[in-house]
């Protein structure tokens, strides 16, 4: 893997709010990538599904029955890839907002504007890390769920 790509993908470990932001989002995405598949693997079982289905209730379709039987982990797993994309975008917007605030400070009278803007431009690309992580986490979960079709097993 190219060193520049690795530097881009890894969270920055330095002083400041940008590092805290990146580390927080990196931990969030890594945690979700580990915990959601684990939770689904533990709960997506026939005995769990049978316990969740209300006996004596008429279901109009197989989808209705499958939705009624779905465990909370399965429900979260269904929406989590999309939430990861949204969290990635949120992190990017927060990072860009912070960067714009820094840019405004760099343009203040008496500041060494060129040096501060150069530093800002160097770090501006890293603001897109959280979006990249969100997309990678989305793809990771989608691939995992495709290989482990628990929703098909339920039907």
C-alpha atoms as a PDB file:
ATOM      1  CA  UNK A   1       0.000   0.000   0.000  1.00  0.00           C
ATOM      2  CA  UNK A   2       1.331   3.417  -0.900  1.00  0.00           C
ATOM      3  CA  UNK A   3       2.578   5.408   2.108  1.00  0.00           C
ATOM      4  CA  UNK A   4       0.451   8.456   1.195  1.00  0.00           C
ATOM      5  CA  UNK A   5      -2.698   6.308   1.123  1.00  0.00           C
ATOM      6  CA  UNK A   6      -1.840   4.776   4.491  1.00  0.00           C
ATOM      7  CA  UNK A   7      -1.187   8.208   5.987  1.00  0.00           C
ATOM      8  CA  UNK A   8      -4.549   9.380   4.652  1.00  0.00           C
ATOM      9  CA  UNK A   9      -6.483   6.382   5.966  1.00  0.00           C
ATOM     10  CA  UNK A  10      -5.026   6.306   9.480  1.00  0.00           C
ATOM     11  CA  UNK A  11      -6.266   8.807  12.063  1.00  0.00           C
ATOM     12  CA  UNK A  12      -3.849  11.626  12.850  1.00  0.00           C
ATOM     13  CA  UNK A  13      -2.327  11.390  16.299  1.00  0.00           C
ATOM     14  CA  UNK A  14      -1.326  14.880  17.363  1.00  0.00           C
ATOM     15  CA  UNK A  15      -2.549  17.713  19.528  1.00  0.00           C
ATOM     16  CA  UNK A  16      -5.818  19.442  18.854  1.00  0.00           C
ATOM     17  CA  UNK A  17      -9.485  19.001  18.175  1.00  0.00           C
ATOM     18  CA  UNK A  18      -8.920  17.518  14.705  1.00  0.00           C
ATOM     19  CA  UNK A  19      -7.056  14.568  16.188  1.00  0.00           C
ATOM     20  CA  UNK A  20      -9.775  13.987  18.793  1.00  0.00           C
ATOM     21  CA  UNK A  21     -12.430  14.158  16.079  1.00  0.00           C
ATOM     22  CA  UNK A  22     -10.610  11.683  13.857  1.00  0.00           C
ATOM     23  CA  UNK A  23      -9.899   9.286  16.707  1.00  0.00           C
ATOM     24  CA  UNK A  24     -13.526   9.412  17.866  1.00  0.00           C
ATOM     25  CA  UNK A  25     -14.875   8.597  14.428  1.00  0.00           C
ATOM     26  CA  UNK A  26     -12.229   5.906  13.837  1.00  0.00           C
ATOM     27  CA  UNK A  27     -13.198   4.188  17.103  1.00  0.00           C
ATOM     28  CA  UNK A  28     -16.897   4.495  16.219  1.00  0.00           C
ATOM     29  CA  UNK A  29     -16.452   2.910  12.790  1.00  0.00           C
ATOM     30  CA  UNK A  30     -14.121   0.164  14.024  1.00  0.00           C
ATOM     31  CA  UNK A  31     -16.476  -0.615  16.906  1.00  0.00           C
ATOM     32  CA  UNK A  32     -19.480  -0.892  14.630  1.00  0.00           C
ATOM     33  CA  UNK A  33     -17.577  -3.096  12.176  1.00  0.00           C
ATOM     34  CA  UNK A  34     -16.746  -5.494  15.006  1.00  0.00           C
ATOM     35  CA  UNK A  35     -19.844  -5.318  17.205  1.00  0.00           C
ATOM     36  CA  UNK A  36     -22.709  -5.379  14.696  1.00  0.00           C
ATOM     37  CA  UNK A  37     -21.676  -8.588  12.897  1.00  0.00           C
ATOM     38  CA  UNK A  38     -20.935 -10.178  16.276  1.00  0.00           C
ATOM     39  CA  UNK A  39     -24.344  -9.198  17.651  1.00  0.00           C
ATOM     40  CA  UNK A  40     -26.073 -10.551  14.554  1.00  0.00           C
ATOM     41  CA  UNK A  41     -24.111 -13.797  14.731  1.00  0.00           C
ATOM     42  CA  UNK A  42     -25.205 -14.251  18.350  1.00  0.00           C
ATOM     43  CA  UNK A  43     -28.876 -13.388  17.893  1.00  0.00           C
ATOM     44  CA  UNK A  44     -29.848 -14.404  14.340  1.00  0.00           C
ATOM     45  CA  UNK A  45     -30.877 -17.963  15.234  1.00  0.00           C
ATOM     46  CA  UNK A  46     -34.087 -19.935  14.774  1.00  0.00           C
ATOM     47  CA  UNK A  47     -34.726 -20.188  18.524  1.00  0.00           C
ATOM     48  CA  UNK A  48     -34.548 -16.398  18.826  1.00  0.00           C
ATOM     49  CA  UNK A  49     -36.871 -15.916  15.858  1.00  0.00           C
ATOM     50  CA  UNK A  50     -39.455 -18.376  17.202  1.00  0.00           C
ATOM     51  CA  UNK A  51     -39.499 -16.628  20.560  1.00  0.00           C
ATOM     52  CA  UNK A  52     -40.174 -13.254  18.910  1.00  0.00           C
ATOM     53  CA  UNK A  53     -43.074 -14.361  16.732  1.00  0.00           C
ATOM     54  CA  UNK A  54     -46.459 -13.845  18.366  1.00  0.00           C
ATOM     55  CA  UNK A  55     -48.265 -17.153  18.256  1.00  0.00           C
ATOM     56  CA  UNK A  56     -51.783 -17.063  16.939  1.00  0.00           C
ATOM     57  CA  UNK A  57     -51.253 -13.837  15.011  1.00  0.00           C
ATOM     58  CA  UNK A  58     -51.962 -13.975  11.297  1.00  0.00           C
ATOM     59  CA  UNK A  59     -49.189 -12.641   9.080  1.00  0.00           C
ATOM     60  CA  UNK A  60     -50.189 -11.538   5.596  1.00  0.00           C
ATOM     61  CA  UNK A  61     -46.838 -12.254   3.953  1.00  0.00           C
ATOM     62  CA  UNK A  62     -43.485 -13.896   4.498  1.00  0.00           C
ATOM     63  CA  UNK A  63     -41.956 -10.423   4.838  1.00  0.00           C
ATOM     64  CA  UNK A  64     -44.348  -9.562   7.663  1.00  0.00           C
ATOM     65  CA  UNK A  65     -43.405 -12.757   9.467  1.00  0.00           C
ATOM     66  CA  UNK A  66     -39.677 -12.174   8.876  1.00  0.00           C
ATOM     67  CA  UNK A  67     -39.931  -8.595  10.164  1.00  0.00           C
ATOM     68  CA  UNK A  68     -41.823  -9.725  13.253  1.00  0.00           C
ATOM     69  CA  UNK A  69     -39.174 -12.349  13.987  1.00  0.00           C
ATOM     70  CA  UNK A  70     -36.183 -10.051  13.481  1.00  0.00           C
ATOM     71  CA  UNK A  71     -34.079  -9.464  16.576  1.00  0.00           C
ATOM     72  CA  UNK A  72     -32.972  -5.960  17.614  1.00  0.00           C
ATOM     73  CA  UNK A  73     -29.444  -6.746  16.402  1.00  0.00           C
ATOM     74  CA  UNK A  74     -30.805  -7.650  12.978  1.00  0.00           C
ATOM     75  CA  UNK A  75     -32.850  -4.464  12.834  1.00  0.00           C
ATOM     76  CA  UNK A  76     -29.779  -2.385  13.722  1.00  0.00           C
ATOM     77  CA  UNK A  77     -27.721  -4.303  11.184  1.00  0.00           C
ATOM     78  CA  UNK A  78     -30.193  -3.363   8.464  1.00  0.00           C
ATOM     79  CA  UNK A  79     -29.832   0.371   9.078  1.00  0.00           C
ATOM     80  CA  UNK A  80     -26.212   0.544  10.266  1.00  0.00           C
ATOM     81  CA  UNK A  81     -24.500   0.744   6.836  1.00  0.00           C
ATOM     82  CA  UNK A  82     -26.553   3.809   5.953  1.00  0.00           C
ATOM     83  CA  UNK A  83     -25.925   5.353   9.375  1.00  0.00           C
ATOM     84  CA  UNK A  84     -22.186   4.870   8.889  1.00  0.00           C
ATOM     85  CA  UNK A  85     -22.345   6.841   5.644  1.00  0.00           C
ATOM     86  CA  UNK A  86     -24.203   9.636   7.414  1.00  0.00           C
ATOM     87  CA  UNK A  87     -21.721   9.650  10.319  1.00  0.00           C
ATOM     88  CA  UNK A  88     -18.865   9.821   7.817  1.00  0.00           C
ATOM     89  CA  UNK A  89     -20.401  12.849   6.158  1.00  0.00           C
ATOM     90  CA  UNK A  90     -21.095  14.429   9.527  1.00  0.00           C
ATOM     91  CA  UNK A  91     -17.446  14.052  10.516  1.00  0.00           C
ATOM     92  CA  UNK A  92     -16.345  15.611   7.255  1.00  0.00           C
ATOM     93  CA  UNK A  93     -18.646  18.586   7.688  1.00  0.00           C
ATOM     94  CA  UNK A  94     -17.511  19.102  11.279  1.00  0.00           C
ATOM     95  CA  UNK A  95     -13.865  18.926  10.157  1.00  0.00           C
ATOM     96  CA  UNK A  96     -14.458  21.366   7.313  1.00  0.00           C
ATOM     97  CA  UNK A  97     -16.289  23.728   9.636  1.00  0.00           C
ATOM     98  CA  UNK A  98     -13.369  23.689  12.047  1.00  0.00           C
ATOM     99  CA  UNK A  99     -10.948  24.229   9.175  1.00  0.00           C
ATOM    100  CA  UNK A 100     -12.916  27.240   7.934  1.00  0.00           C
ATOM    101  CA  UNK A 101     -12.845  28.705  11.426  1.00  0.00           C
ATOM    102  CA  UNK A 102      -9.059  28.272  11.447  1.00  0.00           C
ATOM    103  CA  UNK A 103      -8.851  29.892   8.006  1.00  0.00           C
ATOM    104  CA  UNK A 104     -10.748  32.914   9.281  1.00  0.00           C
ATOM    105  CA  UNK A 105      -8.251  33.195  12.139  1.00  0.00           C
ATOM    106  CA  UNK A 106      -5.358  32.963   9.691  1.00  0.00           C
ATOM    107  CA  UNK A 107      -6.691  35.941   7.767  1.00  0.00           C
ATOM    108  CA  UNK A 108      -6.935  38.115  10.884  1.00  0.00           C
ATOM    109  CA  UNK A 109      -4.705  41.205  10.958  1.00  0.00           C
ATOM    110  CA  UNK A 110      -1.236  40.519  12.301  1.00  0.00           C
ATOM    111  CA  UNK A 111      -1.346  36.785  11.548  1.00  0.00           C
ATOM    112  CA  UNK A 112       1.176  35.169   9.238  1.00  0.00           C
ATOM    113  CA  UNK A 113      -1.598  34.394   6.772  1.00  0.00           C
ATOM    114  CA  UNK A 114       0.478  32.594   4.164  1.00  0.00           C
ATOM    115  CA  UNK A 115       2.046  30.196   6.639  1.00  0.00           C
ATOM    116  CA  UNK A 116      -1.270  29.450   8.365  1.00  0.00           C
ATOM    117  CA  UNK A 117      -3.149  28.998   5.094  1.00  0.00           C
ATOM    118  CA  UNK A 118      -0.426  26.709   3.790  1.00  0.00           C
ATOM    119  CA  UNK A 119      -0.705  24.611   6.951  1.00  0.00           C
ATOM    120  CA  UNK A 120      -4.490  24.610   6.592  1.00  0.00           C
ATOM    121  CA  UNK A 121      -4.330  23.471   2.964  1.00  0.00           C
ATOM    122  CA  UNK A 122      -1.934  20.674   3.930  1.00  0.00           C
ATOM    123  CA  UNK A 123      -4.454  19.321   6.424  1.00  0.00           C
ATOM    124  CA  UNK A 124      -7.628  20.032   4.456  1.00  0.00           C
ATOM    125  CA  UNK A 125      -7.529  16.687   2.649  1.00  0.00           C
ATOM    126  CA  UNK A 126      -7.576  14.847   5.940  1.00  0.00           C
ATOM    127  CA  UNK A 127     -11.006  16.297   6.659  1.00  0.00           C
ATOM    128  CA  UNK A 128     -12.396  13.746   4.220  1.00  0.00           C
ATOM    129  CA  UNK A 129     -11.093  10.817   6.262  1.00  0.00           C
ATOM    130  CA  UNK A 130     -14.360  10.295   8.087  1.00  0.00           C
ATOM    131  CA  UNK A 131     -16.308  10.141   4.822  1.00  0.00           C
ATOM    132  CA  UNK A 132     -13.803   7.643   3.496  1.00  0.00           C
ATOM    133  CA  UNK A 133     -14.096   5.577   6.670  1.00  0.00           C
ATOM    134  CA  UNK A 134     -17.889   5.742   6.451  1.00  0.00           C
ATOM    135  CA  UNK A 135     -17.838   4.480   2.874  1.00  0.00           C
ATOM    136  CA  UNK A 136     -15.349   1.714   3.717  1.00  0.00           C
ATOM    137  CA  UNK A 137     -17.404   0.671   6.762  1.00  0.00           C
ATOM    138  CA  UNK A 138     -20.589   0.713   4.651  1.00  0.00           C
ATOM    139  CA  UNK A 139     -18.942  -1.529   2.071  1.00  0.00           C
ATOM    140  CA  UNK A 140     -17.493  -3.801   4.748  1.00  0.00           C
ATOM    141  CA  UNK A 141     -20.845  -4.380   6.407  1.00  0.00           C
ATOM    142  CA  UNK A 142     -22.622  -4.841   3.082  1.00  0.00           C
ATOM    143  CA  UNK A 143     -20.070  -7.476   2.015  1.00  0.00           C
ATOM    144  CA  UNK A 144     -20.318  -9.239   5.378  1.00  0.00           C
ATOM    145  CA  UNK A 145     -24.137  -9.242   5.292  1.00  0.00           C
ATOM    146  CA  UNK A 146     -24.105 -10.543   1.720  1.00  0.00           C
ATOM    147  CA  UNK A 147     -21.912 -13.437   2.812  1.00  0.00           C
ATOM    148  CA  UNK A 148     -24.059 -14.036   5.936  1.00  0.00           C
ATOM    149  CA  UNK A 149     -27.650 -13.660   4.642  1.00  0.00           C
ATOM    150  CA  UNK A 150     -29.373 -13.916   8.029  1.00  0.00           C
ATOM    151  CA  UNK A 151     -32.509 -12.234   6.653  1.00  0.00           C
ATOM    152  CA  UNK A 152     -32.874 -15.002   4.046  1.00  0.00           C
ATOM    153  CA  UNK A 153     -32.408 -17.667   6.715  1.00  0.00           C
ATOM    154  CA  UNK A 154     -35.261 -16.130   8.670  1.00  0.00           C
ATOM    155  CA  UNK A 155     -37.694 -16.566   5.772  1.00  0.00           C
END
